[in-house]
Amino acid sequence: MTLTGYPNLESILPTPEEAKEAQIGTKILASYLENNQTQKSAKLIIDEKEGKAVAIPQAALPLLVGILSQLSQGNTVKLTPITKELDIYQVADILGTSDRYIWELLDAGKIPYQIVDNCRRMLYEDVMEYKQRTYEEAQKALDEMVAEAEAMGLYD
């Protein structure tokens, strides 16, 4: 596993024993998430004898499930943080578009931004709101097309 920002950690594939442990951990943690959605955190016991435990925030638990799932398949994992403020290239990567298209969206006022040190910066929340909004608009358009096709007898 590689953690971006920690240069001394190597990218190491899990052993078969570690992969098996990760598979069990994935099932247990995924089940915990399903059954405890209102919990704000979970405790990870570090040392049972000394009673040492670490609180894991709810937001981190799905990430842990994803990490364990990948390790259970014998893969290594790389974590890359996404900052609160994003530049054009980060937004383009998140939305799966070109940076030129992001410029057009910003110029059209589709995503709010601030200029910081001569660079346009967008808040992560604003980008994700735009992504959700466009997804919902696309779903609505598809639903309308299906309804129209059904009305014309073209869709069974």
C-alpha atoms as a PDB file:
ATOM      1  CA  MET A   1       0.000   0.000   0.000  1.00  0.00           C
ATOM      2  CA  THR A   2       1.270   3.485  -0.801  1.00  0.00           C
ATOM      3  CA  LEU A   3       0.100   6.562   1.039  1.00  0.00           C
ATOM      4  CA  THR A   4       0.731   9.674  -1.003  1.00  0.00           C
ATOM      5  CA  GLY A   5       2.668  12.113   1.141  1.00  0.00           C
ATOM      6  CA  TYR A   6       4.549   9.432   3.059  1.00  0.00           C
ATOM      7  CA  PRO A   7       7.741   8.955   1.019  1.00  0.00           C
ATOM      8  CA  ASN A   8       9.222   6.217   3.215  1.00  0.00           C
ATOM      9  CA  LEU A   9       6.384   3.764   2.662  1.00  0.00           C
ATOM     10  CA  GLU A  10       6.908   1.328  -0.167  1.00  0.00           C
ATOM     11  CA  SER A  11       4.259  -0.076  -2.423  1.00  0.00           C
ATOM     12  CA  ILE A  12       4.074  -3.713  -1.313  1.00  0.00           C
ATOM     13  CA  LEU A  13       1.693  -6.390  -2.518  1.00  0.00           C
ATOM     14  CA  PRO A  14      -0.077  -8.222   0.294  1.00  0.00           C
ATOM     15  CA  THR A  15       0.927 -11.772   1.126  1.00  0.00           C
ATOM     16  CA  PRO A  16      -1.710 -14.494   0.657  1.00  0.00           C
ATOM     17  CA  GLU A  17      -2.258 -14.492   4.444  1.00  0.00           C
ATOM     18  CA  GLU A  18      -2.768 -10.719   4.463  1.00  0.00           C
ATOM     19  CA  ALA A  19      -5.145 -10.988   1.512  1.00  0.00           C
ATOM     20  CA  LYS A  20      -7.201 -13.576   3.424  1.00  0.00           C
ATOM     21  CA  GLU A  21      -7.283 -11.345   6.530  1.00  0.00           C
ATOM     22  CA  ALA A  22      -8.335  -8.408   4.355  1.00  0.00           C
ATOM     23  CA  GLN A  23     -11.143 -10.477   2.843  1.00  0.00           C
ATOM     24  CA  ILE A  24     -12.504 -11.288   6.305  1.00  0.00           C
ATOM     25  CA  GLY A  25     -12.048  -7.665   7.414  1.00  0.00           C
ATOM     26  CA  THR A  26     -13.897  -6.415   4.329  1.00  0.00           C
ATOM     27  CA  LYS A  27     -16.949  -8.541   5.128  1.00  0.00           C
ATOM     28  CA  ILE A  28     -16.993  -7.574   8.803  1.00  0.00           C
ATOM     29  CA  LEU A  29     -16.497  -3.844   8.212  1.00  0.00           C
ATOM     30  CA  ALA A  30     -18.998  -3.712   5.317  1.00  0.00           C
ATOM     31  CA  SER A  31     -21.573  -5.465   7.525  1.00  0.00           C
ATOM     32  CA  TYR A  32     -20.852  -3.026  10.346  1.00  0.00           C
ATOM     33  CA  LEU A  33     -21.414  -0.085   7.990  1.00  0.00           C
ATOM     34  CA  GLU A  34     -24.736  -1.495   6.780  1.00  0.00           C
ATOM     35  CA  ASN A  35     -26.019  -2.057  10.311  1.00  0.00           C
ATOM     36  CA  ASN A  36     -24.626   1.062  12.015  1.00  0.00           C
ATOM     37  CA  GLN A  37     -25.239   3.923   9.606  1.00  0.00           C
ATOM     38  CA  THR A  38     -26.006   6.412  12.369  1.00  0.00           C
ATOM     39  CA  GLN A  39     -22.739   5.862  14.244  1.00  0.00           C
ATOM     40  CA  LYS A  40     -20.319   8.807  14.093  1.00  0.00           C
ATOM     41  CA  SER A  41     -17.227   6.638  14.501  1.00  0.00           C
ATOM     42  CA  ALA A  42     -15.951   3.139  15.161  1.00  0.00           C
ATOM     43  CA  LYS A  43     -13.251   1.996  17.548  1.00  0.00           C
ATOM     44  CA  LEU A  44     -10.237   0.094  16.270  1.00  0.00           C
ATOM     45  CA  ILE A  45      -8.638  -1.905  19.074  1.00  0.00           C
ATOM     46  CA  ILE A  46      -4.864  -1.585  18.884  1.00  0.00           C
ATOM     47  CA  ASP A  47      -3.935  -3.506  22.036  1.00  0.00           C
ATOM     48  CA  GLU A  48      -6.594  -5.491  23.886  1.00  0.00           C
ATOM     49  CA  LYS A  49      -4.418  -6.083  26.946  1.00  0.00           C
ATOM     50  CA  GLU A  50      -3.648  -2.402  27.457  1.00  0.00           C
ATOM     51  CA  GLY A  51      -7.080  -1.286  26.259  1.00  0.00           C
ATOM     52  CA  LYS A  52      -5.657   0.953  23.545  1.00  0.00           C
ATOM     53  CA  ALA A  53      -8.110   1.904  20.829  1.00  0.00           C
ATOM     54  CA  VAL A  54      -8.361   4.494  18.080  1.00  0.00           C
ATOM     55  CA  ALA A  55     -11.571   6.209  16.965  1.00  0.00           C
ATOM     56  CA  ILE A  56     -12.093   5.946  13.202  1.00  0.00           C
ATOM     57  CA  PRO A  57     -14.449   8.644  11.831  1.00  0.00           C
ATOM     58  CA  GLN A  58     -17.516   7.458   9.912  1.00  0.00           C
ATOM     59  CA  ALA A  59     -16.241   9.178   6.751  1.00  0.00           C
ATOM     60  CA  ALA A  60     -13.128   6.966   6.765  1.00  0.00           C
ATOM     61  CA  LEU A  61     -14.937   3.647   7.117  1.00  0.00           C
ATOM     62  CA  PRO A  62     -16.001   3.248   3.444  1.00  0.00           C
ATOM     63  CA  LEU A  63     -12.399   4.020   2.480  1.00  0.00           C
ATOM     64  CA  LEU A  64     -11.190   1.273   4.774  1.00  0.00           C
ATOM     65  CA  VAL A  65     -13.652  -1.150   3.183  1.00  0.00           C
ATOM     66  CA  GLY A  66     -12.284  -0.180  -0.238  1.00  0.00           C
ATOM     67  CA  ILE A  67      -8.686  -0.612   0.900  1.00  0.00           C
ATOM     68  CA  LEU A  68      -9.385  -4.000   2.472  1.00  0.00           C
ATOM     69  CA  SER A  69     -11.301  -5.098  -0.617  1.00  0.00           C
ATOM     70  CA  GLN A  70      -8.353  -4.277  -2.867  1.00  0.00           C
ATOM     71  CA  LEU A  71      -5.876  -5.963  -0.515  1.00  0.00           C
ATOM     72  CA  SER A  72      -8.082  -9.075  -0.413  1.00  0.00           C
ATOM     73  CA  GLN A  73      -7.695  -9.292  -4.194  1.00  0.00           C
ATOM     74  CA  GLY A  74      -3.913  -9.147  -3.871  1.00  0.00           C
ATOM     75  CA  ASN A  75      -3.653  -5.550  -5.031  1.00  0.00           C
ATOM     76  CA  THR A  76      -1.723  -2.692  -3.513  1.00  0.00           C
ATOM     77  CA  VAL A  77      -3.453   0.616  -2.778  1.00  0.00           C
ATOM     78  CA  LYS A  78      -2.472   4.223  -3.328  1.00  0.00           C
ATOM     79  CA  LEU A  79      -4.310   6.986  -1.511  1.00  0.00           C
ATOM     80  CA  THR A  80      -4.320  10.448  -3.001  1.00  0.00           C
ATOM     81  CA  PRO A  81      -6.025  13.214  -1.058  1.00  0.00           C
ATOM     82  CA  ILE A  82      -8.417  15.617  -2.742  1.00  0.00           C
ATOM     83  CA  THR A  83      -8.099  19.093  -1.284  1.00  0.00           C
ATOM     84  CA  LYS A  84     -11.004  21.382  -0.362  1.00  0.00           C
ATOM     85  CA  GLU A  85      -9.969  23.856  -3.063  1.00  0.00           C
ATOM     86  CA  LEU A  86      -9.301  22.517  -6.532  1.00  0.00           C
ATOM     87  CA  ASP A  87      -7.538  23.855  -9.578  1.00  0.00           C
ATOM     88  CA  ILE A  88      -8.752  23.507 -13.151  1.00  0.00           C
ATOM     89  CA  TYR A  89      -6.797  20.311 -13.788  1.00  0.00           C
ATOM     90  CA  GLN A  90      -8.101  18.582 -10.658  1.00  0.00           C
ATOM     91  CA  VAL A  91     -11.680  19.484 -11.584  1.00  0.00           C
ATOM     92  CA  ALA A  92     -11.156  18.204 -15.120  1.00  0.00           C
ATOM     93  CA  ASP A  93      -9.896  14.907 -13.667  1.00  0.00           C
ATOM     94  CA  ILE A  94     -12.860  14.584 -11.283  1.00  0.00           C
ATOM     95  CA  LEU A  95     -15.402  15.346 -14.015  1.00  0.00           C
ATOM     96  CA  GLY A  96     -13.592  13.322 -16.680  1.00  0.00           C
ATOM     97  CA  THR A  97     -13.352  16.257 -19.078  1.00  0.00           C
ATOM     98  CA  SER A  98     -10.686  18.475 -20.575  1.00  0.00           C
ATOM     99  CA  ASP A  99      -9.330  21.513 -18.769  1.00  0.00           C
ATOM    100  CA  ARG A 100     -10.555  23.615 -21.700  1.00  0.00           C
ATOM    101  CA  TYR A 101     -14.123  22.479 -21.031  1.00  0.00           C
ATOM    102  CA  ILE A 102     -13.718  23.421 -17.347  1.00  0.00           C
ATOM    103  CA  TRP A 103     -12.683  26.943 -18.433  1.00  0.00           C
ATOM    104  CA  GLU A 104     -15.900  27.122 -20.474  1.00  0.00           C
ATOM    105  CA  LEU A 105     -17.984  25.972 -17.484  1.00  0.00           C
ATOM    106  CA  LEU A 106     -16.376  28.592 -15.268  1.00  0.00           C
ATOM    107  CA  ASP A 107     -16.835  31.362 -17.825  1.00  0.00           C
ATOM    108  CA  ALA A 108     -20.507  30.356 -18.173  1.00  0.00           C
ATOM    109  CA  GLY A 109     -20.971  30.505 -14.393  1.00  0.00           C
ATOM    110  CA  LYS A 110     -21.840  26.806 -14.082  1.00  0.00           C
ATOM    111  CA  ILE A 111     -19.351  26.258 -11.245  1.00  0.00           C
ATOM    112  CA  PRO A 112     -18.502  29.032  -8.771  1.00  0.00           C
ATOM    113  CA  TYR A 113     -14.836  29.897  -8.321  1.00  0.00           C
ATOM    114  CA  GLN A 114     -12.469  32.345  -6.674  1.00  0.00           C
ATOM    115  CA  ILE A 115      -9.242  33.733  -8.039  1.00  0.00           C
ATOM    116  CA  VAL A 116      -6.316  32.966  -5.742  1.00  0.00           C
ATOM    117  CA  ASP A 117      -2.823  34.063  -6.816  1.00  0.00           C
ATOM    118  CA  ASN A 118      -3.983  34.461 -10.438  1.00  0.00           C
ATOM    119  CA  CYS A 119      -5.467  30.929 -10.466  1.00  0.00           C
ATOM    120  CA  ARG A 120      -9.112  29.942 -10.505  1.00  0.00           C
ATOM    121  CA  ARG A 121      -9.974  27.805  -7.508  1.00  0.00           C
ATOM    122  CA  MET A 122     -13.182  25.837  -7.016  1.00  0.00           C
ATOM    123  CA  LEU A 123     -14.505  24.298  -3.830  1.00  0.00           C
ATOM    124  CA  TYR A 124     -14.797  20.522  -3.875  1.00  0.00           C
ATOM    125  CA  GLU A 125     -18.401  20.769  -2.689  1.00  0.00           C
ATOM    126  CA  ASP A 126     -19.309  23.053  -5.606  1.00  0.00           C
ATOM    127  CA  VAL A 127     -17.732  20.675  -8.116  1.00  0.00           C
ATOM    128  CA  MET A 128     -19.545  17.678  -6.649  1.00  0.00           C
ATOM    129  CA  GLU A 129     -22.823  19.634  -6.625  1.00  0.00           C
ATOM    130  CA  TYR A 130     -22.345  20.418 -10.325  1.00  0.00           C
ATOM    131  CA  LYS A 131     -21.538  16.758 -11.031  1.00  0.00           C
ATOM    132  CA  GLN A 132     -24.679  15.590  -9.196  1.00  0.00           C
ATOM    133  CA  ARG A 133     -26.849  18.211 -10.901  1.00  0.00           C
ATOM    134  CA  THR A 134     -25.663  17.259 -14.394  1.00  0.00           C
ATOM    135  CA  TYR A 135     -26.109  13.566 -13.594  1.00  0.00           C
ATOM    136  CA  GLU A 136     -29.703  14.186 -12.510  1.00  0.00           C
ATOM    137  CA  GLU A 137     -30.373  16.257 -15.635  1.00  0.00           C
ATOM    138  CA  ALA A 138     -28.987  13.470 -17.828  1.00  0.00           C
ATOM    139  CA  GLN A 139     -31.087  10.855 -16.013  1.00  0.00           C
ATOM    140  CA  LYS A 140     -34.209  12.986 -16.462  1.00  0.00           C
ATOM    141  CA  ALA A 141     -33.503  13.377 -20.197  1.00  0.00           C
ATOM    142  CA  LEU A 142     -32.988   9.616 -20.553  1.00  0.00           C
ATOM    143  CA  ASP A 143     -36.218   8.896 -18.685  1.00  0.00           C
ATOM    144  CA  GLU A 144     -38.078  11.252 -21.011  1.00  0.00           C
ATOM    145  CA  MET A 145     -36.568   9.563 -24.063  1.00  0.00           C
ATOM    146  CA  VAL A 146     -37.581   6.114 -22.776  1.00  0.00           C
ATOM    147  CA  ALA A 147     -41.114   7.328 -22.026  1.00  0.00           C
ATOM    148  CA  GLU A 148     -41.348   8.797 -25.524  1.00  0.00           C
ATOM    149  CA  ALA A 149     -40.079   5.581 -27.109  1.00  0.00           C
ATOM    150  CA  GLU A 150     -42.577   3.553 -25.071  1.00  0.00           C
ATOM    151  CA  ALA A 151     -45.414   5.848 -26.141  1.00  0.00           C
ATOM    152  CA  MET A 152     -44.435   5.293 -29.774  1.00  0.00           C
ATOM    153  CA  GLY A 153     -44.310   1.534 -29.240  1.00  0.00           C
ATOM    154  CA  LEU A 154     -40.575   1.360 -29.936  1.00  0.00           C
ATOM    155  CA  TYR A 155     -39.523   0.112 -26.523  1.00  0.00           C
ATOM    156  CA  ASP A 156     -40.656  -3.106 -24.848  1.00  0.00           C
END
